[in-house]
PDB file of all heavy atoms in Angstrom:
ATOM      1  N   THR A   1      -1.057 -10.500 -12.940  1.00  0.00           N
ATOM      2  CA  THR A   1      -0.222 -11.405 -12.160  1.00  0.00           C
ATOM      3  C   THR A   1       0.119 -10.738 -10.831  1.00  0.00           C
ATOM      4  O   THR A   1      -0.019  -9.514 -10.672  1.00  0.00           O
ATOM      5  CB  THR A   1       1.074 -11.736 -12.903  1.00  0.00           C
ATOM      6  OG1 THR A   1       1.844 -10.532 -13.039  1.00  0.00           O
ATOM      7  CG2 THR A   1       0.795 -12.337 -14.273  1.00  0.00           C
ATOM      8  N   ALA A   2       0.596 -11.523  -9.875  1.00  0.00           N
ATOM      9  CA  ALA A   2       0.985 -10.965  -8.586  1.00  0.00           C
ATOM     10  C   ALA A   2       2.066  -9.909  -8.752  1.00  0.00           C
ATOM     11  O   ALA A   2       2.064  -8.881  -8.072  1.00  0.00           O
ATOM     12  CB  ALA A   2       1.461 -12.081  -7.661  1.00  0.00           C
ATOM     13  N   ARG A   3       3.010 -10.121  -9.671  1.00  0.00           N
ATOM     14  CA  ARG A   3       4.085  -9.158  -9.884  1.00  0.00           C
ATOM     15  C   ARG A   3       3.528  -7.853 -10.477  1.00  0.00           C
ATOM     16  O   ARG A   3       3.863  -6.760 -10.018  1.00  0.00           O
ATOM     17  CB  ARG A   3       5.157  -9.755 -10.792  1.00  0.00           C
ATOM     18  CG  ARG A   3       6.308  -8.808 -11.171  1.00  0.00           C
ATOM     19  CD  ARG A   3       7.041  -8.220  -9.952  1.00  0.00           C
ATOM     20  NE  ARG A   3       7.408  -9.193  -8.956  1.00  0.00           N
ATOM     21  CZ  ARG A   3       8.484  -9.975  -9.016  1.00  0.00           C
ATOM     22  NH1 ARG A   3       9.303  -9.915 -10.040  1.00  0.00           N
ATOM     23  NH2 ARG A   3       8.756 -10.816  -8.019  1.00  0.00           N
ATOM     24  N   ASP A   4       2.684  -7.977 -11.491  1.00  0.00           N
ATOM     25  CA  ASP A   4       2.099  -6.782 -12.084  1.00  0.00           C
ATOM     26  C   ASP A   4       1.248  -6.025 -11.073  1.00  0.00           C
ATOM     27  O   ASP A   4       1.248  -4.790 -11.043  1.00  0.00           O
ATOM     28  CB  ASP A   4       1.244  -7.154 -13.296  1.00  0.00           C
ATOM     29  CG  ASP A   4       2.060  -7.316 -14.571  1.00  0.00           C
ATOM     30  OD1 ASP A   4       3.290  -7.103 -14.526  1.00  0.00           O
ATOM     31  OD2 ASP A   4       1.471  -7.653 -15.616  1.00  0.00           O
ATOM     32  N   ALA A   5       0.521  -6.762 -10.246  1.00  0.00           N
ATOM     33  CA  ALA A   5      -0.328  -6.117  -9.244  1.00  0.00           C
ATOM     34  C   ALA A   5       0.506  -5.337  -8.240  1.00  0.00           C
ATOM     35  O   ALA A   5       0.156  -4.214  -7.858  1.00  0.00           O
ATOM     36  CB  ALA A   5      -1.188  -7.165  -8.534  1.00  0.00           C
ATOM     37  N   GLU A   6       1.643  -5.908  -7.805  1.00  0.00           N
ATOM     38  CA  GLU A   6       2.503  -5.201  -6.856  1.00  0.00           C
ATOM     39  C   GLU A   6       3.108  -3.956  -7.492  1.00  0.00           C
ATOM     40  O   GLU A   6       3.169  -2.884  -6.873  1.00  0.00           O
ATOM     41  CB  GLU A   6       3.611  -6.118  -6.340  1.00  0.00           C
ATOM     42  CG  GLU A   6       4.511  -5.425  -5.319  1.00  0.00           C
ATOM     43  CD  GLU A   6       5.575  -6.336  -4.713  1.00  0.00           C
ATOM     44  OE1 GLU A   6       5.590  -7.539  -5.043  1.00  0.00           O
ATOM     45  OE2 GLU A   6       6.383  -5.830  -3.918  1.00  0.00           O
ATOM     46  N   LEU A   7       3.555  -4.065  -8.726  1.00  0.00           N
ATOM     47  CA  LEU A   7       4.119  -2.916  -9.421  1.00  0.00           C
ATOM     48  C   LEU A   7       3.079  -1.810  -9.573  1.00  0.00           C
ATOM     49  O   LEU A   7       3.360  -0.633  -9.313  1.00  0.00           O
ATOM     50  CB  LEU A   7       4.639  -3.333 -10.802  1.00  0.00           C
ATOM     51  CG  LEU A   7       5.889  -4.217 -10.834  1.00  0.00           C
ATOM     52  CD1 LEU A   7       6.107  -4.766 -12.239  1.00  0.00           C
ATOM     53  CD2 LEU A   7       7.118  -3.434 -10.383  1.00  0.00           C
ATOM     54  N   ALA A   8       1.877  -2.185  -9.983  1.00  0.00           N
ATOM     55  CA  ALA A   8       0.819  -1.192 -10.194  1.00  0.00           C
ATOM     56  C   ALA A   8       0.419  -0.513  -8.894  1.00  0.00           C
ATOM     57  O   ALA A   8       0.239   0.707  -8.846  1.00  0.00           O
ATOM     58  CB  ALA A   8      -0.396  -1.855 -10.846  1.00  0.00           C
ATOM     59  N   ALA A   9       0.269  -1.305  -7.828  1.00  0.00           N
ATOM     60  CA  ALA A   9      -0.126  -0.736  -6.542  1.00  0.00           C
ATOM     61  C   ALA A   9       0.936   0.215  -6.013  1.00  0.00           C
ATOM     62  O   ALA A   9       0.631   1.300  -5.500  1.00  0.00           O
ATOM     63  CB  ALA A   9      -0.388  -1.852  -5.538  1.00  0.00           C
ATOM     64  N   SER A  10       2.196  -0.176  -6.143  1.00  0.00           N
ATOM     65  CA  SER A  10       3.283   0.663  -5.650  1.00  0.00           C
ATOM     66  C   SER A  10       3.335   1.984  -6.404  1.00  0.00           C
ATOM     67  O   SER A  10       3.400   3.069  -5.803  1.00  0.00           O
ATOM     68  CB  SER A  10       4.618  -0.071  -5.785  1.00  0.00           C
ATOM     69  OG  SER A  10       4.605  -1.289  -5.066  1.00  0.00           O
ATOM     70  N   ALA A  11       3.315   1.896  -7.723  1.00  0.00           N
ATOM     71  CA  ALA A  11       3.433   3.106  -8.535  1.00  0.00           C
ATOM     72  C   ALA A  11       2.240   4.031  -8.348  1.00  0.00           C
ATOM     73  O   ALA A  11       2.403   5.247  -8.214  1.00  0.00           O
ATOM     74  CB  ALA A  11       3.574   2.724 -10.006  1.00  0.00           C
ATOM     75  N   ARG A  12       1.046   3.477  -8.329  1.00  0.00           N
ATOM     76  CA  ARG A  12      -0.140   4.329  -8.180  1.00  0.00           C
ATOM     77  C   ARG A  12      -0.129   5.072  -6.850  1.00  0.00           C
ATOM     78  O   ARG A  12      -0.449   6.263  -6.783  1.00  0.00           O
ATOM     79  CB  ARG A  12      -1.417   3.498  -8.292  1.00  0.00           C
ATOM     80  CG  ARG A  12      -2.675   4.355  -8.427  1.00  0.00           C
ATOM     81  CD  ARG A  12      -3.946   3.529  -8.358  1.00  0.00           C
ATOM     82  NE  ARG A  12      -5.100   4.297  -8.782  1.00  0.00           N
ATOM     83  CZ  ARG A  12      -5.734   5.216  -8.059  1.00  0.00           C
ATOM     84  NH1 ARG A  12      -5.278   5.502  -6.838  1.00  0.00           N
ATOM     85  NH2 ARG A  12      -6.783   5.864  -8.524  1.00  0.00           N
ATOM     86  N   ALA A  13       0.240   4.375  -5.787  1.00  0.00           N
ATOM     87  CA  ALA A  13       0.267   5.003  -4.470  1.00  0.00           C
ATOM     88  C   ALA A  13       1.316   6.114  -4.403  1.00  0.00           C
ATOM     89  O   ALA A  13       1.063   7.189  -3.846  1.00  0.00           O
ATOM     90  CB  ALA A  13       0.534   3.956  -3.396  1.00  0.00           C
ATOM     91  N   VAL A  14       2.496   5.878  -4.964  1.00  0.00           N
ATOM     92  CA  VAL A  14       3.558   6.883  -4.899  1.00  0.00           C
ATOM     93  C   VAL A  14       3.211   8.093  -5.767  1.00  0.00           C
ATOM     94  O   VAL A  14       3.419   9.251  -5.368  1.00  0.00           O
ATOM     95  CB  VAL A  14       4.916   6.284  -5.306  1.00  0.00           C
ATOM     96  CG1 VAL A  14       5.991   7.365  -5.345  1.00  0.00           C
ATOM     97  CG2 VAL A  14       5.326   5.194  -4.324  1.00  0.00           C
ATOM     98  N   PHE A  15       2.640   7.853  -6.953  1.00  0.00           N
ATOM     99  CA  PHE A  15       2.208   8.975  -7.783  1.00  0.00           C
ATOM    100  C   PHE A  15       1.132   9.796  -7.079  1.00  0.00           C
ATOM    101  O   PHE A  15       1.131  11.031  -7.138  1.00  0.00           O
ATOM    102  CB  PHE A  15       1.687   8.478  -9.133  1.00  0.00           C
ATOM    103  CG  PHE A  15       2.753   8.171 -10.145  1.00  0.00           C
ATOM    104  CD1 PHE A  15       2.709   6.995 -10.883  1.00  0.00           C
ATOM    105  CD2 PHE A  15       3.799   9.057 -10.378  1.00  0.00           C
ATOM    106  CE1 PHE A  15       3.686   6.711 -11.822  1.00  0.00           C
ATOM    107  CE2 PHE A  15       4.784   8.785 -11.314  1.00  0.00           C
ATOM    108  CZ  PHE A  15       4.730   7.604 -12.044  1.00  0.00           C
ATOM    109  N   SER A  16       0.222   9.124  -6.413  1.00  0.00           N
ATOM    110  CA  SER A  16      -0.834   9.825  -5.683  1.00  0.00           C
ATOM    111  C   SER A  16      -0.246  10.689  -4.583  1.00  0.00           C
ATOM    112  O   SER A  16      -0.673  11.834  -4.363  1.00  0.00           O
ATOM    113  CB  SER A  16      -1.825   8.817  -5.099  1.00  0.00           C
ATOM    114  OG  SER A  16      -2.792   9.464  -4.300  1.00  0.00           O
ATOM    115  N   TRP A  17       0.747  10.151  -3.879  1.00  0.00           N
ATOM    116  CA  TRP A  17       1.411  10.913  -2.818  1.00  0.00           C
ATOM    117  C   TRP A  17       2.104  12.148  -3.384  1.00  0.00           C
ATOM    118  O   TRP A  17       1.977  13.248  -2.835  1.00  0.00           O
ATOM    119  CB  TRP A  17       2.420  10.022  -2.085  1.00  0.00           C
ATOM    120  CG  TRP A  17       3.266  10.770  -1.109  1.00  0.00           C
ATOM    121  CD1 TRP A  17       2.892  11.280   0.104  1.00  0.00           C
ATOM    122  CD2 TRP A  17       4.645  11.133  -1.274  1.00  0.00           C
ATOM    123  NE1 TRP A  17       3.950  11.927   0.709  1.00  0.00           N
ATOM    124  CE2 TRP A  17       5.042  11.845  -0.114  1.00  0.00           C
ATOM    125  CE3 TRP A  17       5.587  10.903  -2.279  1.00  0.00           C
ATOM    126  CZ2 TRP A  17       6.330  12.334   0.052  1.00  0.00           C
ATOM    127  CZ3 TRP A  17       6.873  11.402  -2.111  1.00  0.00           C
ATOM    128  CH2 TRP A  17       7.228  12.095  -0.956  1.00  0.00           C
ATOM    129  N   HIS A  18       2.816  12.009  -4.486  1.00  0.00           N
ATOM    130  CA  HIS A  18       3.476  13.161  -5.091  1.00  0.00           C
ATOM    131  C   HIS A  18       2.454  14.225  -5.487  1.00  0.00           C
ATOM    132  O   HIS A  18       2.683  15.429  -5.299  1.00  0.00           O
ATOM    133  CB  HIS A  18       4.281  12.742  -6.326  1.00  0.00           C
ATOM    134  CG  HIS A  18       5.608  12.123  -6.015  1.00  0.00           C
ATOM    135  ND1 HIS A  18       6.640  12.818  -5.421  1.00  0.00           N
ATOM    136  CD2 HIS A  18       6.071  10.851  -6.209  1.00  0.00           C
ATOM    137  CE1 HIS A  18       7.686  12.019  -5.272  1.00  0.00           C
ATOM    138  NE2 HIS A  18       7.363  10.822  -5.738  1.00  0.00           N
ATOM    139  N   SER A  19       1.328  13.792  -6.021  1.00  0.00           N
ATOM    140  CA  SER A  19       0.302  14.734  -6.460  1.00  0.00           C
ATOM    141  C   SER A  19      -0.265  15.557  -5.316  1.00  0.00           C
ATOM    142  O   SER A  19      -0.562  16.750  -5.472  1.00  0.00           O
ATOM    143  CB  SER A  19      -0.826  13.962  -7.167  1.00  0.00           C
ATOM    144  OG  SER A  19      -1.874  14.829  -7.540  1.00  0.00           O
ATOM    145  N   SER A  20      -0.419  14.925  -4.147  1.00  0.00           N
ATOM    146  CA  SER A  20      -1.048  15.609  -3.009  1.00  0.00           C
ATOM    147  C   SER A  20      -0.042  16.221  -2.037  1.00  0.00           C
ATOM    148  O   SER A  20      -0.445  16.848  -1.055  1.00  0.00           O
ATOM    149  CB  SER A  20      -1.956  14.631  -2.252  1.00  0.00           C
ATOM    150  OG  SER A  20      -1.208  13.546  -1.739  1.00  0.00           O
ATOM    151  N   HIS A  21       1.257  16.062  -2.306  1.00  0.00           N
ATOM    152  CA  HIS A  21       2.281  16.595  -1.392  1.00  0.00           C
ATOM    153  C   HIS A  21       3.338  17.401  -2.142  1.00  0.00           C
ATOM    154  O   HIS A  21       4.536  17.279  -1.890  1.00  0.00           O
ATOM    155  CB  HIS A  21       2.951  15.445  -0.612  1.00  0.00           C
ATOM    156  CG  HIS A  21       2.078  14.826   0.413  1.00  0.00           C
ATOM    157  ND1 HIS A  21       1.024  13.997   0.088  1.00  0.00           N
ATOM    158  CD2 HIS A  21       2.071  14.937   1.767  1.00  0.00           C
ATOM    159  CE1 HIS A  21       0.424  13.602   1.200  1.00  0.00           C
ATOM    160  NE2 HIS A  21       1.023  14.161   2.214  1.00  0.00           N
ATOM    161  N   ARG A  22       2.870  18.253  -3.031  1.00  0.00           N
ATOM    162  CA  ARG A  22       3.798  19.067  -3.827  1.00  0.00           C
ATOM    163  C   ARG A  22       4.496  20.127  -2.995  1.00  0.00           C
ATOM    164  O   ARG A  22       5.578  20.594  -3.348  1.00  0.00           O
ATOM    165  CB  ARG A  22       3.046  19.733  -4.979  1.00  0.00           C
ATOM    166  CG  ARG A  22       2.652  18.806  -6.127  1.00  0.00           C
ATOM    167  CD  ARG A  22       1.905  19.594  -7.177  1.00  0.00           C
ATOM    168  NE  ARG A  22       2.693  20.749  -7.636  1.00  0.00           N
ATOM    169  CZ  ARG A  22       2.170  21.785  -8.298  1.00  0.00           C
ATOM    170  NH1 ARG A  22       0.870  21.811  -8.556  1.00  0.00           N
ATOM    171  NH2 ARG A  22       2.954  22.783  -8.683  1.00  0.00           N
ATOM    172  N   TYR A  23       3.865  20.520  -1.894  1.00  0.00           N
ATOM    173  CA  TYR A  23       4.411  21.632  -1.111  1.00  0.00           C
ATOM    174  C   TYR A  23       4.904  21.155   0.253  1.00  0.00           C
ATOM    175  O   TYR A  23       4.301  20.285   0.887  1.00  0.00           O
ATOM    176  CB  TYR A  23       3.362  22.721  -0.965  1.00  0.00           C
ATOM    177  CG  TYR A  23       2.953  23.302  -2.299  1.00  0.00           C
ATOM    178  CD1 TYR A  23       1.870  22.785  -2.992  1.00  0.00           C
ATOM    179  CD2 TYR A  23       3.695  24.330  -2.874  1.00  0.00           C
ATOM    180  CE1 TYR A  23       1.515  23.293  -4.235  1.00  0.00           C
ATOM    181  CE2 TYR A  23       3.353  24.848  -4.115  1.00  0.00           C
ATOM    182  CZ  TYR A  23       2.259  24.324  -4.797  1.00  0.00           C
ATOM    183  OH  TYR A  23       1.928  24.817  -6.031  1.00  0.00           O
ATOM    184  N   CYS A  24       5.989  21.734   0.684  1.00  0.00           N
ATOM    185  CA  CYS A  24       6.626  21.373   1.946  1.00  0.00           C
ATOM    186  C   CYS A  24       5.678  21.641   3.115  1.00  0.00           C
ATOM    187  O   CYS A  24       5.146  22.751   3.248  1.00  0.00           O
ATOM    188  CB  CYS A  24       7.916  22.175   2.102  1.00  0.00           C
ATOM    189  SG  CYS A  24       8.766  21.910   3.674  1.00  0.00           S
ATOM    190  N   SER A  25       5.495  20.673   3.978  1.00  0.00           N
ATOM    191  CA  SER A  25       4.616  20.837   5.132  1.00  0.00           C
ATOM    192  C   SER A  25       5.265  21.647   6.246  1.00  0.00           C
ATOM    193  O   SER A  25       4.599  22.030   7.210  1.00  0.00           O
ATOM    194  CB  SER A  25       4.198  19.465   5.677  1.00  0.00           C
ATOM    195  OG  SER A  25       5.335  18.713   6.071  1.00  0.00           O
ATOM    196  N   LYS A  26       6.573  21.931   6.114  1.00  0.00           N
ATOM    197  CA  LYS A  26       7.279  22.729   7.127  1.00  0.00           C
ATOM    198  C   LYS A  26       7.219  24.221   6.815  1.00  0.00           C
ATOM    199  O   LYS A  26       6.993  25.040   7.704  1.00  0.00           O
ATOM    200  CB  LYS A  26       8.736  22.282   7.228  1.00  0.00           C
ATOM    201  CG  LYS A  26       8.916  20.872   7.766  1.00  0.00           C
ATOM    202  CD  LYS A  26      10.396  20.514   7.884  1.00  0.00           C
ATOM    203  CE  LYS A  26      10.586  19.127   8.459  1.00  0.00           C
ATOM    204  NZ  LYS A  26      12.029  18.762   8.583  1.00  0.00           N
ATOM    205  N   CYS A  27       7.430  24.573   5.538  1.00  0.00           N
ATOM    206  CA  CYS A  27       7.495  26.004   5.207  1.00  0.00           C
ATOM    207  C   CYS A  27       6.545  26.429   4.101  1.00  0.00           C
ATOM    208  O   CYS A  27       6.385  27.614   3.856  1.00  0.00           O
ATOM    209  CB  CYS A  27       8.923  26.394   4.849  1.00  0.00           C
ATOM    210  SG  CYS A  27       9.471  25.779   3.227  1.00  0.00           S
ATOM    211  N   GLY A  28       5.947  25.488   3.399  1.00  0.00           N
ATOM    212  CA  GLY A  28       4.981  25.820   2.360  1.00  0.00           C
ATOM    213  C   GLY A  28       5.550  26.002   0.974  1.00  0.00           C
ATOM    214  O   GLY A  28       4.803  26.178   0.012  1.00  0.00           O
ATOM    215  N   ALA A  29       6.864  25.962   0.827  1.00  0.00           N
ATOM    216  CA  ALA A  29       7.481  26.114  -0.493  1.00  0.00           C
ATOM    217  C   ALA A  29       7.280  24.841  -1.316  1.00  0.00           C
ATOM    218  O   ALA A  29       7.085  23.750  -0.772  1.00  0.00           O
ATOM    219  CB  ALA A  29       8.967  26.414  -0.349  1.00  0.00           C
ATOM    220  N   GLU A  30       7.327  24.982  -2.628  1.00  0.00           N
ATOM    221  CA  GLU A  30       7.168  23.806  -3.485  1.00  0.00           C
ATOM    222  C   GLU A  30       8.398  22.909  -3.358  1.00  0.00           C
ATOM    223  O   GLU A  30       9.536  23.379  -3.423  1.00  0.00           O
ATOM    224  CB  GLU A  30       6.965  24.204  -4.935  1.00  0.00           C
ATOM    225  CG  GLU A  30       6.646  23.026  -5.832  1.00  0.00           C
ATOM    226  CD  GLU A  30       6.154  23.421  -7.201  1.00  0.00           C
ATOM    227  OE1 GLU A  30       6.135  24.647  -7.501  1.00  0.00           O
ATOM    228  OE2 GLU A  30       5.788  22.530  -7.983  1.00  0.00           O
ATOM    229  N   SER A  31       8.162  21.621  -3.160  1.00  0.00           N
ATOM    230  CA  SER A  31       9.255  20.660  -3.021  1.00  0.00           C
ATOM    231  C   SER A  31       9.484  19.946  -4.347  1.00  0.00           C
ATOM    232  O   SER A  31       8.691  20.060  -5.284  1.00  0.00           O
ATOM    233  CB  SER A  31       8.939  19.648  -1.915  1.00  0.00           C
ATOM    234  OG  SER A  31       7.728  18.956  -2.203  1.00  0.00           O
ATOM    235  N   GLN A  32      10.574  19.182  -4.406  1.00  0.00           N
ATOM    236  CA  GLN A  32      10.958  18.499  -5.641  1.00  0.00           C
ATOM    237  C   GLN A  32      11.129  17.003  -5.403  1.00  0.00           C
ATOM    238  O   GLN A  32      11.597  16.578  -4.346  1.00  0.00           O
ATOM    239  CB  GLN A  32      12.268  19.081  -6.177  1.00  0.00           C
ATOM    240  CG  GLN A  32      12.226  20.576  -6.444  1.00  0.00           C
ATOM    241  CD  GLN A  32      11.211  20.971  -7.491  1.00  0.00           C
ATOM    242  OE1 GLN A  32      11.058  20.271  -8.498  1.00  0.00           O
ATOM    243  NE2 GLN A  32      10.521  22.091  -7.271  1.00  0.00           N
ATOM    244  N   MET A  33      10.777  16.213  -6.412  1.00  0.00           N
ATOM    245  CA  MET A  33      10.972  14.767  -6.343  1.00  0.00           C
ATOM    246  C   MET A  33      12.455  14.444  -6.286  1.00  0.00           C
ATOM    247  O   MET A  33      13.266  15.071  -6.967  1.00  0.00           O
ATOM    248  CB  MET A  33      10.340  14.101  -7.570  1.00  0.00           C
ATOM    249  CG  MET A  33      10.486  12.586  -7.597  1.00  0.00           C
ATOM    250  SD  MET A  33       9.923  11.838  -9.172  1.00  0.00           S
ATOM    251  CE  MET A  33       8.168  12.136  -9.100  1.00  0.00           C
ATOM    252  N   SER A  34      12.820  13.466  -5.462  1.00  0.00           N
ATOM    253  CA  SER A  34      14.213  13.036  -5.352  1.00  0.00           C
ATOM    254  C   SER A  34      14.265  11.557  -5.028  1.00  0.00           C
ATOM    255  O   SER A  34      13.230  10.901  -4.864  1.00  0.00           O
ATOM    256  CB  SER A  34      14.950  13.860  -4.283  1.00  0.00           C
ATOM    257  OG  SER A  34      14.383  13.621  -3.004  1.00  0.00           O
TER     258      SER A  34
END
């Protein structure tokens, strides 16, 4: 459904971002989800 598709797209994209951005781009230390 349109609702399920939006939920899936949102979650997949955000999880992908967390996976590829674990470390701070300013200092290199590991960052935390918030």
